[in-house]
Structures are given as structure tokens and as C-alpha cells.
PDB file of N, CA and C in Angstrom:
ATOM      1  N   UNK A   1      13.089  30.756-102.497  1.00  0.00           N
ATOM      2  CA  UNK A   1      14.362  31.247-102.975  1.00  0.00           C
ATOM      3  C   UNK A   1      14.745  32.515-102.219  1.00  0.00           C
ATOM      4  N   UNK A   2      16.017  32.682-102.080  1.00  0.00           N
ATOM      5  CA  UNK A   2      16.513  33.888-101.441  1.00  0.00           C
ATOM      6  C   UNK A   2      16.567  35.007-102.475  1.00  0.00           C
ATOM      7  N   UNK A   3      16.817  36.204-102.002  1.00  0.00           N
ATOM      8  CA  UNK A   3      16.859  37.352-102.900  1.00  0.00           C
ATOM      9  C   UNK A   3      17.938  37.185-103.965  1.00  0.00           C
ATOM     10  N   UNK A   4      19.028  36.489-103.644  1.00  0.00           N
ATOM     11  CA  UNK A   4      20.111  36.309-104.610  1.00  0.00           C
ATOM     12  C   UNK A   4      19.744  35.333-105.714  1.00  0.00           C
ATOM     13  N   UNK A   5      18.594  34.665-105.582  1.00  0.00           N
ATOM     14  CA  UNK A   5      18.189  33.696-106.582  1.00  0.00           C
ATOM     15  C   UNK A   5      18.640  32.283-106.265  1.00  0.00           C
ATOM     16  N   UNK A   6      19.397  32.117-105.191  1.00  0.00           N
ATOM     17  CA  UNK A   6      19.865  30.793-104.804  1.00  0.00           C
ATOM     18  C   UNK A   6      18.863  30.122-103.880  1.00  0.00           C
ATOM     19  N   UNK A   7      18.605  28.860-104.144  1.00  0.00           N
ATOM     20  CA  UNK A   7      17.734  28.079-103.277  1.00  0.00           C
ATOM     21  C   UNK A   7      18.535  27.689-102.038  1.00  0.00           C
ATOM     22  N   UNK A   8      18.007  27.935-100.852  1.00  0.00           N
ATOM     23  CA  UNK A   8      18.740  27.583 -99.633  1.00  0.00           C
ATOM     24  C   UNK A   8      18.984  26.074 -99.545  1.00  0.00           C
ATOM     25  N   UNK A   9      20.119  25.702 -98.991  1.00  0.00           N
ATOM     26  CA  UNK A   9      20.487  24.290 -98.861  1.00  0.00           C
ATOM     27  C   UNK A   9      19.423  23.486 -98.111  1.00  0.00           C
ATOM     28  N   UNK A  10      18.856  23.994 -96.988  1.00  0.00           N
ATOM     29  CA  UNK A  10      17.821  23.200 -96.317  1.00  0.00           C
ATOM     30  C   UNK A  10      16.627  22.887 -97.233  1.00  0.00           C
ATOM     31  N   UNK A  11      16.296  23.810 -98.114  1.00  0.00           N
ATOM     32  CA  UNK A  11      15.203  23.585 -99.065  1.00  0.00           C
ATOM     33  C   UNK A  11      15.605  22.515-100.084  1.00  0.00           C
ATOM     34  N   UNK A  12      16.842  22.562-100.553  1.00  0.00           N
ATOM     35  CA  UNK A  12      17.343  21.535-101.485  1.00  0.00           C
ATOM     36  C   UNK A  12      17.328  20.164-100.791  1.00  0.00           C
ATOM     37  N   UNK A  13      17.765  20.140 -99.535  1.00  0.00           N
ATOM     38  CA  UNK A  13      17.805  18.883 -98.783  1.00  0.00           C
ATOM     39  C   UNK A  13      16.387  18.312 -98.643  1.00  0.00           C
ATOM     40  N   UNK A  14      15.436  19.152 -98.307  1.00  0.00           N
ATOM     41  CA  UNK A  14      14.043  18.704 -98.163  1.00  0.00           C
ATOM     42  C   UNK A  14      13.514  18.170 -99.494  1.00  0.00           C
ATOM     43  N   UNK A  15      13.860  18.830-100.590  1.00  0.00           N
ATOM     44  CA  UNK A  15      13.442  18.395-101.919  1.00  0.00           C
ATOM     45  C   UNK A  15      14.010  17.002-102.216  1.00  0.00           C
ATOM     46  N   UNK A  16      15.281  16.803-101.913  1.00  0.00           N
ATOM     47  CA  UNK A  16      15.915  15.508-102.152  1.00  0.00           C
ATOM     48  C   UNK A  16      15.293  14.425-101.275  1.00  0.00           C
ATOM     49  N   UNK A  17      15.001  14.766-100.028  1.00  0.00           N
ATOM     50  CA  UNK A  17      14.397  13.790 -99.114  1.00  0.00           C
ATOM     51  C   UNK A  17      12.983  13.410 -99.549  1.00  0.00           C
ATOM     52  N   UNK A  18      12.220  14.383-100.073  1.00  0.00           N
ATOM     53  CA  UNK A  18      10.881  14.079-100.595  1.00  0.00           C
ATOM     54  C   UNK A  18      10.967  13.128-101.783  1.00  0.00           C
ATOM     55  N   UNK A  19      11.899  13.408-102.676  1.00  0.00           N
ATOM     56  CA  UNK A  19      12.073  12.554-103.849  1.00  0.00           C
ATOM     57  C   UNK A  19      12.501  11.147-103.429  1.00  0.00           C
ATOM     58  N   UNK A  20      13.347  11.061-102.420  1.00  0.00           N
ATOM     59  CA  UNK A  20      13.787   9.773-101.901  1.00  0.00           C
ATOM     60  C   UNK A  20      12.603   8.972-101.367  1.00  0.00           C
ATOM     61  N   UNK A  21      11.704   9.627-100.653  1.00  0.00           N
ATOM     62  CA  UNK A  21      10.507   8.964-100.133  1.00  0.00           C
ATOM     63  C   UNK A  21       9.601   8.502-101.275  1.00  0.00           C
ATOM     64  N   UNK A  22       9.436   9.350-102.297  1.00  0.00           N
ATOM     65  CA  UNK A  22       8.622   8.974-103.459  1.00  0.00           C
ATOM     66  C   UNK A  22       9.195   7.743-104.155  1.00  0.00           C
ATOM     67  N   UNK A  23      10.499   7.740-104.346  1.00  0.00           N
ATOM     68  CA  UNK A  23      11.141   6.613-105.012  1.00  0.00           C
ATOM     69  C   UNK A  23      11.024   5.342-104.183  1.00  0.00           C
ATOM     70  N   UNK A  24      11.167   5.468-102.875  1.00  0.00           N
ATOM     71  CA  UNK A  24      11.027   4.309-101.995  1.00  0.00           C
ATOM     72  C   UNK A  24       9.648   3.704-102.109  1.00  0.00           C
ATOM     73  N   UNK A  25       8.624   4.548-102.120  1.00  0.00           N
ATOM     74  CA  UNK A  25       7.249   4.059-102.248  1.00  0.00           C
ATOM     75  C   UNK A  25       7.038   3.414-103.619  1.00  0.00           C
ATOM     76  N   UNK A  26       7.586   4.022-104.661  1.00  0.00           N
ATOM     77  CA  UNK A  26       7.434   3.474-106.006  1.00  0.00           C
ATOM     78  C   UNK A  26       8.130   2.118-106.121  1.00  0.00           C
ATOM     79  N   UNK A  27       9.333   1.998-105.565  1.00  0.00           N
ATOM     80  CA  UNK A  27      10.051   0.725-105.636  1.00  0.00           C
ATOM     81  C   UNK A  27       9.339  -0.365-104.838  1.00  0.00           C
ATOM     82  N   UNK A  28       8.736   0.018-103.733  1.00  0.00           N
ATOM     83  CA  UNK A  28       7.970  -0.947-102.945  1.00  0.00           C
ATOM     84  C   UNK A  28       6.766  -1.450-103.742  1.00  0.00           C
ATOM     85  N   UNK A  29       6.091  -0.540-104.434  1.00  0.00           N
ATOM     86  CA  UNK A  29       4.944  -0.931-105.258  1.00  0.00           C
ATOM     87  C   UNK A  29       5.377  -1.842-106.408  1.00  0.00           C
ATOM     88  N   UNK A  30       6.525  -1.544-107.002  1.00  0.00           N
ATOM     89  CA  UNK A  30       7.044  -2.384-108.080  1.00  0.00           C
ATOM     90  C   UNK A  30       7.355  -3.777-107.556  1.00  0.00           C
ATOM     91  N   UNK A  31       7.996  -3.831-106.403  1.00  0.00           N
ATOM     92  CA  UNK A  31       8.330  -5.120-105.798  1.00  0.00           C
ATOM     93  C   UNK A  31       7.073  -5.933-105.501  1.00  0.00           C
ATOM     94  N   UNK A  32       6.067  -5.270-104.957  1.00  0.00           N
ATOM     95  CA  UNK A  32       4.799  -5.950-104.674  1.00  0.00           C
ATOM     96  C   UNK A  32       4.174  -6.492-105.959  1.00  0.00           C
ATOM     97  N   UNK A  33       4.205  -5.693-107.008  1.00  0.00           N
ATOM     98  CA  UNK A  33       3.624  -6.109-108.289  1.00  0.00           C
ATOM     99  C   UNK A  33       4.383  -7.304-108.863  1.00  0.00           C
ATOM    100  N   UNK A  34       5.702  -7.260-108.790  1.00  0.00           N
ATOM    101  CA  UNK A  34       6.502  -8.366-109.320  1.00  0.00           C
ATOM    102  C   UNK A  34       6.247  -9.661-108.546  1.00  0.00           C
ATOM    103  N   UNK A  35       6.052  -9.556-107.250  1.00  0.00           N
ATOM    104  CA  UNK A  35       5.813 -10.735-106.421  1.00  0.00           C
ATOM    105  C   UNK A  35       4.399 -11.289-106.591  1.00  0.00           C
ATOM    106  N   UNK A  36       3.482 -10.500-107.113  1.00  0.00           N
ATOM    107  CA  UNK A  36       2.086 -10.913-107.203  1.00  0.00           C
ATOM    108  C   UNK A  36       1.787 -11.817-108.403  1.00  0.00           C
ATOM    109  N   UNK A  37       2.716 -11.929-109.320  1.00  0.00           N
ATOM    110  CA  UNK A  37       2.463 -12.685-110.541  1.00  0.00           C
ATOM    111  C   UNK A  37       2.638 -14.184-110.314  1.00  0.00           C
ATOM    112  N   UNK A  38       1.514 -14.871-110.228  1.00  0.00           N
ATOM    113  CA  UNK A  38       1.491 -16.325-110.026  1.00  0.00           C
ATOM    114  C   UNK A  38       0.459 -16.961-110.944  1.00  0.00           C
ATOM    115  N   UNK A  39       0.249 -16.385-112.101  1.00  0.00           N
ATOM    116  CA  UNK A  39      -0.807 -16.833-113.004  1.00  0.00           C
ATOM    117  C   UNK A  39      -0.485 -18.209-113.588  1.00  0.00           C
ATOM    118  N   UNK A  40      -1.396 -19.192-113.432  1.00  0.00           N
ATOM    119  CA  UNK A  40      -1.145 -20.527-113.973  1.00  0.00           C
ATOM    120  C   UNK A  40      -1.346 -20.621-115.486  1.00  0.00           C
ATOM    121  N   UNK A  41      -2.015 -19.652-116.088  1.00  0.00           N
ATOM    122  CA  UNK A  41      -2.243 -19.658-117.533  1.00  0.00           C
ATOM    123  C   UNK A  41      -0.965 -19.181-118.229  1.00  0.00           C
ATOM    124  N   UNK A  42      -0.406 -20.018-119.110  1.00  0.00           N
ATOM    125  CA  UNK A  42       0.867 -19.713-119.755  1.00  0.00           C
ATOM    126  C   UNK A  42       0.823 -18.436-120.585  1.00  0.00           C
ATOM    127  N   UNK A  43      -0.259 -18.211-121.305  1.00  0.00           N
ATOM    128  CA  UNK A  43      -0.354 -16.996-122.116  1.00  0.00           C
ATOM    129  C   UNK A  43      -0.381 -15.758-121.238  1.00  0.00           C
ATOM    130  N   UNK A  44      -1.175 -15.809-120.185  1.00  0.00           N
ATOM    131  CA  UNK A  44      -1.246 -14.672-119.267  1.00  0.00           C
ATOM    132  C   UNK A  44       0.082 -14.466-118.555  1.00  0.00           C
ATOM    133  N   UNK A  45       0.718 -15.562-118.166  1.00  0.00           N
ATOM    134  CA  UNK A  45       2.002 -15.475-117.485  1.00  0.00           C
ATOM    135  C   UNK A  45       3.065 -14.856-118.392  1.00  0.00           C
ATOM    136  N   UNK A  46       3.024 -15.216-119.685  1.00  0.00           N
ATOM    137  CA  UNK A  46       3.975 -14.642-120.646  1.00  0.00           C
ATOM    138  C   UNK A  46       3.777 -13.132-120.759  1.00  0.00           C
ATOM    139  N   UNK A  47       2.528 -12.697-120.798  1.00  0.00           N
ATOM    140  CA  UNK A  47       2.238 -11.255-120.866  1.00  0.00           C
ATOM    141  C   UNK A  47       2.706 -10.554-119.592  1.00  0.00           C
ATOM    142  N   UNK A  48       2.500 -11.207-118.450  1.00  0.00           N
ATOM    143  CA  UNK A  48       2.948 -10.628-117.179  1.00  0.00           C
ATOM    144  C   UNK A  48       4.472 -10.511-117.157  1.00  0.00           C
ATOM    145  N   UNK A  49       5.167 -11.498-117.686  1.00  0.00           N
ATOM    146  CA  UNK A  49       6.639 -11.475-117.708  1.00  0.00           C
ATOM    147  C   UNK A  49       7.157 -10.302-118.542  1.00  0.00           C
ATOM    148  N   UNK A  50       6.488 -10.010-119.658  1.00  0.00           N
ATOM    149  CA  UNK A  50       6.881  -8.856-120.468  1.00  0.00           C
ATOM    150  C   UNK A  50       6.728  -7.577-119.655  1.00  0.00           C
ATOM    151  N   UNK A  51       5.623  -7.475-118.937  1.00  0.00           N
ATOM    152  CA  UNK A  51       5.405  -6.313-118.074  1.00  0.00           C
ATOM    153  C   UNK A  51       6.422  -6.253-116.957  1.00  0.00           C
ATOM    154  N   UNK A  52       6.830  -7.425-116.468  1.00  0.00           N
ATOM    155  CA  UNK A  52       7.834  -7.483-115.401  1.00  0.00           C
ATOM    156  C   UNK A  52       9.160  -6.876-115.849  1.00  0.00           C
ATOM    157  N   UNK A  53       9.512  -7.108-117.114  1.00  0.00           N
ATOM    158  CA  UNK A  53      10.767  -6.548-117.625  1.00  0.00           C
ATOM    159  C   UNK A  53      10.745  -5.028-117.570  1.00  0.00           C
ATOM    160  N   UNK A  54       9.605  -4.450-117.907  1.00  0.00           N
ATOM    161  CA  UNK A  54       9.456  -2.992-117.846  1.00  0.00           C
ATOM    162  C   UNK A  54       9.544  -2.531-116.388  1.00  0.00           C
ATOM    163  N   UNK A  55       8.860  -3.251-115.503  1.00  0.00           N
ATOM    164  CA  UNK A  55       8.898  -2.897-114.081  1.00  0.00           C
ATOM    165  C   UNK A  55      10.316  -3.005-113.523  1.00  0.00           C
ATOM    166  N   UNK A  56      11.025  -4.045-113.904  1.00  0.00           N
ATOM    167  CA  UNK A  56      12.392  -4.221-113.422  1.00  0.00           C
ATOM    168  C   UNK A  56      13.296  -3.095-113.902  1.00  0.00           C
ATOM    169  N   UNK A  57      13.147  -2.683-115.160  1.00  0.00           N
ATOM    170  CA  UNK A  57      13.943  -1.571-115.686  1.00  0.00           C
ATOM    171  C   UNK A  57      13.613  -0.281-114.949  1.00  0.00           C
ATOM    172  N   UNK A  58      12.337  -0.067-114.672  1.00  0.00           N
ATOM    173  CA  UNK A  58      11.922   1.119-113.916  1.00  0.00           C
ATOM    174  C   UNK A  58      12.505   1.068-112.510  1.00  0.00           C
ATOM    175  N   UNK A  59      12.484  -0.107-111.903  1.00  0.00           N
ATOM    176  CA  UNK A  59      13.050  -0.272-110.564  1.00  0.00           C
ATOM    177  C   UNK A  59      14.542  -0.013-110.536  1.00  0.00           C
ATOM    178  N   UNK A  60      15.256  -0.496-111.545  1.00  0.00           N
ATOM    179  CA  UNK A  60      16.705  -0.264-111.613  1.00  0.00           C
ATOM    180  C   UNK A  60      17.019   1.225-111.769  1.00  0.00           C
ATOM    181  N   UNK A  61      16.232   1.913-112.582  1.00  0.00           N
ATOM    182  CA  UNK A  61      16.426   3.355-112.753  1.00  0.00           C
ATOM    183  C   UNK A  61      16.155   4.078-111.436  1.00  0.00           C
ATOM    184  N   UNK A  62      15.121   3.637-110.719  1.00  0.00           N
ATOM    185  CA  UNK A  62      14.812   4.228-109.416  1.00  0.00           C
ATOM    186  C   UNK A  62      15.915   3.999-108.413  1.00  0.00           C
ATOM    187  N   UNK A  63      16.497   2.808-108.406  1.00  0.00           N
ATOM    188  CA  UNK A  63      17.599   2.515-107.491  1.00  0.00           C
ATOM    189  C   UNK A  63      18.815   3.370-107.801  1.00  0.00           C
ATOM    190  N   UNK A  64      19.087   3.589-109.086  1.00  0.00           N
ATOM    191  CA  UNK A  64      20.206   4.443-109.480  1.00  0.00           C
ATOM    192  C   UNK A  64      19.971   5.880-109.010  1.00  0.00           C
ATOM    193  N   UNK A  65      18.741   6.358-109.144  1.00  0.00           N
ATOM    194  CA  UNK A  65      18.431   7.721-108.690  1.00  0.00           C
ATOM    195  C   UNK A  65      18.558   7.813-107.177  1.00  0.00           C
ATOM    196  N   UNK A  66      18.141   6.781-106.466  1.00  0.00           N
ATOM    197  CA  UNK A  66      18.280   6.767-105.002  1.00  0.00           C
ATOM    198  C   UNK A  66      19.752   6.885-104.610  1.00  0.00           C
ATOM    199  N   UNK A  67      20.621   6.167-105.306  1.00  0.00           N
ATOM    200  CA  UNK A  67      22.060   6.261-105.006  1.00  0.00           C
ATOM    201  C   UNK A  67      22.574   7.679-105.243  1.00  0.00           C
ATOM    202  N   UNK A  68      22.110   8.306-106.338  1.00  0.00           N
ATOM    203  CA  UNK A  68      22.547   9.682-106.625  1.00  0.00           C
ATOM    204  C   UNK A  68      22.035  10.649-105.555  1.00  0.00           C
ATOM    205  N   UNK A  69      20.816  10.444-105.091  1.00  0.00           N
ATOM    206  CA  UNK A  69      20.252  11.312-104.053  1.00  0.00           C
ATOM    207  C   UNK A  69      21.015  11.140-102.743  1.00  0.00           C
ATOM    208  N   UNK A  70      21.314   9.901-102.371  1.00  0.00           N
ATOM    209  CA  UNK A  70      22.095   9.675-101.149  1.00  0.00           C
ATOM    210  C   UNK A  70      23.456  10.366-101.238  1.00  0.00           C
ATOM    211  N   UNK A  71      24.088  10.292-102.396  1.00  0.00           N
ATOM    212  CA  UNK A  71      25.377  10.955-102.586  1.00  0.00           C
ATOM    213  C   UNK A  71      25.229  12.475-102.445  1.00  0.00           C
ATOM    214  N   UNK A  72      24.143  13.034-102.995  1.00  0.00           N
ATOM    215  CA  UNK A  72      23.903  14.479-102.876  1.00  0.00           C
ATOM    216  C   UNK A  72      23.675  14.863-101.412  1.00  0.00           C
ATOM    217  N   UNK A  73      22.930  14.042-100.677  1.00  0.00           N
ATOM    218  CA  UNK A  73      22.701  14.327 -99.255  1.00  0.00           C
ATOM    219  C   UNK A  73      24.005  14.258 -98.475  1.00  0.00           C
ATOM    220  N   UNK A  74      24.899  13.363 -98.852  1.00  0.00           N
ATOM    221  CA  UNK A  74      26.215  13.300 -98.204  1.00  0.00           C
ATOM    222  C   UNK A  74      27.025  14.556 -98.504  1.00  0.00           C
ATOM    223  N   UNK A  75      26.916  15.059 -99.755  1.00  0.00           N
ATOM    224  CA  UNK A  75      27.619  16.303-100.093  1.00  0.00           C
ATOM    225  C   UNK A  75      27.053  17.475 -99.308  1.00  0.00           C
ATOM    226  N   UNK A  76      25.748  17.473 -99.064  1.00  0.00           N
ATOM    227  CA  UNK A  76      25.142  18.532 -98.250  1.00  0.00           C
ATOM    228  C   UNK A  76      25.726  18.471 -96.845  1.00  0.00           C
ATOM    229  N   UNK A  77      25.765  17.290 -96.253  1.00  0.00           N
ATOM    230  CA  UNK A  77      26.301  17.124 -94.896  1.00  0.00           C
ATOM    231  C   UNK A  77      27.770  17.536 -94.814  1.00  0.00           C
ATOM    232  N   UNK A  78      28.513  17.294 -95.891  1.00  0.00           N
ATOM    233  CA  UNK A  78      29.937  17.630 -95.919  1.00  0.00           C
ATOM    234  C   UNK A  78      30.180  19.101 -96.276  1.00  0.00           C
ATOM    235  N   UNK A  79      29.099  19.827 -96.612  1.00  0.00           N
ATOM    236  CA  UNK A  79      29.243  21.229 -96.998  1.00  0.00           C
ATOM    237  C   UNK A  79      29.781  21.405 -98.405  1.00  0.00           C
ATOM    238  N   UNK A  80      29.638  20.379 -99.243  1.00  0.00           N
ATOM    239  CA  UNK A  80      30.181  20.414-100.593  1.00  0.00           C
ATOM    240  C   UNK A  80      29.105  20.427-101.668  1.00  0.00           C
ATOM    241  N   UNK A  81      27.843  20.509-101.270  1.00  0.00           N
ATOM    242  CA  UNK A  81      26.755  20.485-102.239  1.00  0.00           C
ATOM    243  C   UNK A  81      26.795  21.737-103.104  1.00  0.00           C
ATOM    244  N   UNK A  82      26.577  21.544-104.397  1.00  0.00           N
ATOM    245  CA  UNK A  82      26.560  22.670-105.329  1.00  0.00           C
ATOM    246  C   UNK A  82      27.920  22.970-105.915  1.00  0.00           C
ATOM    247  N   UNK A  83      28.931  22.197-105.499  1.00  0.00           N
ATOM    248  CA  UNK A  83      30.270  22.331-106.068  1.00  0.00           C
ATOM    249  C   UNK A  83      30.532  21.100-106.928  1.00  0.00           C
ATOM    250  N   UNK A  84      31.075  21.315-108.109  1.00  0.00           N
ATOM    251  CA  UNK A  84      31.393  20.205-109.003  1.00  0.00           C
ATOM    252  C   UNK A  84      32.466  19.326-108.346  1.00  0.00           C
ATOM    253  N   UNK A  85      32.195  18.032-108.282  1.00  0.00           N
ATOM    254  CA  UNK A  85      33.151  17.121-107.651  1.00  0.00           C
ATOM    255  C   UNK A  85      34.393  16.914-108.516  1.00  0.00           C
ATOM    256  N   UNK A  86      34.328  17.262-109.787  1.00  0.00           N
ATOM    257  CA  UNK A  86      35.472  17.082-110.672  1.00  0.00           C
ATOM    258  C   UNK A  86      36.371  18.316-110.710  1.00  0.00           C
ATOM    259  N   UNK A  87      35.786  19.488-110.969  1.00  0.00           N
ATOM    260  CA  UNK A  87      36.618  20.689-111.144  1.00  0.00           C
ATOM    261  C   UNK A  87      36.500  21.689-109.998  1.00  0.00           C
ATOM    262  N   UNK A  88      35.508  21.503-109.123  1.00  0.00           N
ATOM    263  CA  UNK A  88      35.340  22.396-107.981  1.00  0.00           C
ATOM    264  C   UNK A  88      34.545  23.661-108.257  1.00  0.00           C
ATOM    265  N   UNK A  89      34.122  23.860-109.498  1.00  0.00           N
ATOM    266  CA  UNK A  89      33.341  25.049-109.856  1.00  0.00           C
ATOM    267  C   UNK A  89      31.947  24.962-109.234  1.00  0.00           C
ATOM    268  N   UNK A  90      31.345  26.132-109.058  1.00  0.00           N
ATOM    269  CA  UNK A  90      29.973  26.169-108.552  1.00  0.00           C
ATOM    270  C   UNK A  90      29.028  25.680-109.645  1.00  0.00           C
ATOM    271  N   UNK A  91      28.109  24.788-109.263  1.00  0.00           N
ATOM    272  CA  UNK A  91      27.112  24.283-110.205  1.00  0.00           C
ATOM    273  C   UNK A  91      25.995  25.326-110.283  1.00  0.00           C
ATOM    274  N   UNK A  92      25.642  25.787-111.491  1.00  0.00           N
ATOM    275  CA  UNK A  92      24.615  26.819-111.624  1.00  0.00           C
ATOM    276  C   UNK A  92      23.260  26.375-111.055  1.00  0.00           C
ATOM    277  N   UNK A  93      22.531  27.331-110.513  1.00  0.00           N
ATOM    278  CA  UNK A  93      21.212  27.069-109.922  1.00  0.00           C
ATOM    279  C   UNK A  93      20.269  26.389-110.914  1.00  0.00           C
ATOM    280  N   UNK A  94      20.321  26.816-112.172  1.00  0.00           N
ATOM    281  CA  UNK A  94      19.428  26.233-113.169  1.00  0.00           C
ATOM    282  C   UNK A  94      19.676  24.726-113.301  1.00  0.00           C
ATOM    283  N   UNK A  95      20.937  24.330-113.221  1.00  0.00           N
ATOM    284  CA  UNK A  95      21.270  22.903-113.326  1.00  0.00           C
ATOM    285  C   UNK A  95      20.789  22.170-112.073  1.00  0.00           C
ATOM    286  N   UNK A  96      20.974  22.767-110.908  1.00  0.00           N
ATOM    287  CA  UNK A  96      20.507  22.147-109.665  1.00  0.00           C
ATOM    288  C   UNK A  96      18.985  22.088-109.617  1.00  0.00           C
ATOM    289  N   UNK A  97      18.325  23.064-110.228  1.00  0.00           N
ATOM    290  CA  UNK A  97      16.862  23.020-110.294  1.00  0.00           C
ATOM    291  C   UNK A  97      16.397  21.812-111.107  1.00  0.00           C
ATOM    292  N   UNK A  98      17.096  21.546-112.213  1.00  0.00           N
ATOM    293  CA  UNK A  98      16.712  20.441-113.092  1.00  0.00           C
ATOM    294  C   UNK A  98      17.184  19.095-112.551  1.00  0.00           C
ATOM    295  N   UNK A  99      18.372  19.066-111.979  1.00  0.00           N
ATOM    296  CA  UNK A  99      18.989  17.831-111.485  1.00  0.00           C
ATOM    297  C   UNK A  99      19.552  18.085-110.082  1.00  0.00           C
ATOM    298  N   UNK A 100      18.714  18.144-109.075  1.00  0.00           N
ATOM    299  CA  UNK A 100      19.193  18.536-107.745  1.00  0.00           C
ATOM    300  C   UNK A 100      20.233  17.593-107.149  1.00  0.00           C
ATOM    301  N   UNK A 101      20.373  16.397-107.686  1.00  0.00           N
ATOM    302  CA  UNK A 101      21.341  15.434-107.181  1.00  0.00           C
ATOM    303  C   UNK A 101      22.667  15.469-107.937  1.00  0.00           C
ATOM    304  N   UNK A 102      22.774  16.288-108.984  1.00  0.00           N
ATOM    305  CA  UNK A 102      23.953  16.236-109.849  1.00  0.00           C
ATOM    306  C   UNK A 102      25.246  16.589-109.102  1.00  0.00           C
ATOM    307  N   UNK A 103      26.300  15.811-109.331  1.00  0.00           N
ATOM    308  CA  UNK A 103      27.586  16.124-108.711  1.00  0.00           C
ATOM    309  C   UNK A 103      28.501  16.927-109.631  1.00  0.00           C
ATOM    310  N   UNK A 104      28.063  17.153-110.876  1.00  0.00           N
ATOM    311  CA  UNK A 104      28.929  17.765-111.880  1.00  0.00           C
ATOM    312  C   UNK A 104      28.336  19.033-112.468  1.00  0.00           C
ATOM    313  N   UNK A 105      29.234  19.972-112.770  1.00  0.00           N
ATOM    314  CA  UNK A 105      28.818  21.163-113.518  1.00  0.00           C
ATOM    315  C   UNK A 105      28.531  20.730-114.949  1.00  0.00           C
ATOM    316  N   UNK A 106      27.965  21.630-115.718  1.00  0.00           N
ATOM    317  CA  UNK A 106      27.591  21.319-117.102  1.00  0.00           C
ATOM    318  C   UNK A 106      28.815  20.912-117.928  1.00  0.00           C
ATOM    319  N   UNK A 107      29.922  21.614-117.767  1.00  0.00           N
ATOM    320  CA  UNK A 107      31.122  21.321-118.548  1.00  0.00           C
ATOM    321  C   UNK A 107      31.675  19.937-118.253  1.00  0.00           C
ATOM    322  N   UNK A 108      31.753  19.586-116.986  1.00  0.00           N
ATOM    323  CA  UNK A 108      32.308  18.274-116.611  1.00  0.00           C
ATOM    324  C   UNK A 108      31.356  17.139-116.938  1.00  0.00           C
ATOM    325  N   UNK A 109      30.078  17.422-117.023  1.00  0.00           N
ATOM    326  CA  UNK A 109      29.103  16.387-117.328  1.00  0.00           C
ATOM    327  C   UNK A 109      29.142  15.985-118.807  1.00  0.00           C
ATOM    328  N   UNK A 110      29.716  16.848-119.645  1.00  0.00           N
ATOM    329  CA  UNK A 110      29.761  16.549-121.085  1.00  0.00           C
ATOM    330  C   UNK A 110      30.694  15.452-121.392  1.00  0.00           C
TER     331      UNK A 110
END
């Protein structure tokens, strides 16, 4: 962090890129797990299918986060990161710390 308390944009970008890599690896593992289920036993297959639903939901959430991260990286490239896309206000550092991909200030997010 800089003396002003603001995290430098390159540091935010690196944080987003790390998270993107983590999500990519997680989604790949989920895909591998989903493809591995070929159990001929009906009871076991039924249990695997229940687990697949959880994996699919986790994968969908990961894909949604990836889209939000890509959008944040585009805002960084455009020089608009940290500004609310709705009202134009500066997004507080605390909010960016918690949700580094957020496009909205706290007020507009409500």
C-alpha cells in the first residue's frame, strides 16, 4: 500500500490475475472430476450425480467470478478501475479490498 492508504493499480491487477489463475485451475479440476464419473453401479452413480450437481454449481459460480474479473481488468486497462460504473464515484478502498472486481460503489450496489 502507498502512504495514502490506496493500493496501487498494478498490485490490484496482479491480485486479480492471481485469482483468475486460481479459478482457472479450480474449474479445470471440476471439469476433470465431472468427466471421470463412469461408474456402472447405479447406486454409486446416483451418489456421484448428486455430487456433480454441487460441482456444477461451484463451476458456474467460478465462471461468473471469472467474467467479473475480466471486466475489472478491462476497467484497469481503460483507466476506469475504482470508479463506480453507475454514478462515477470513487469506490472506497475497503470495498475494493473485499471485492476487487466490483464495478459499483456501495450505494449503487444496494
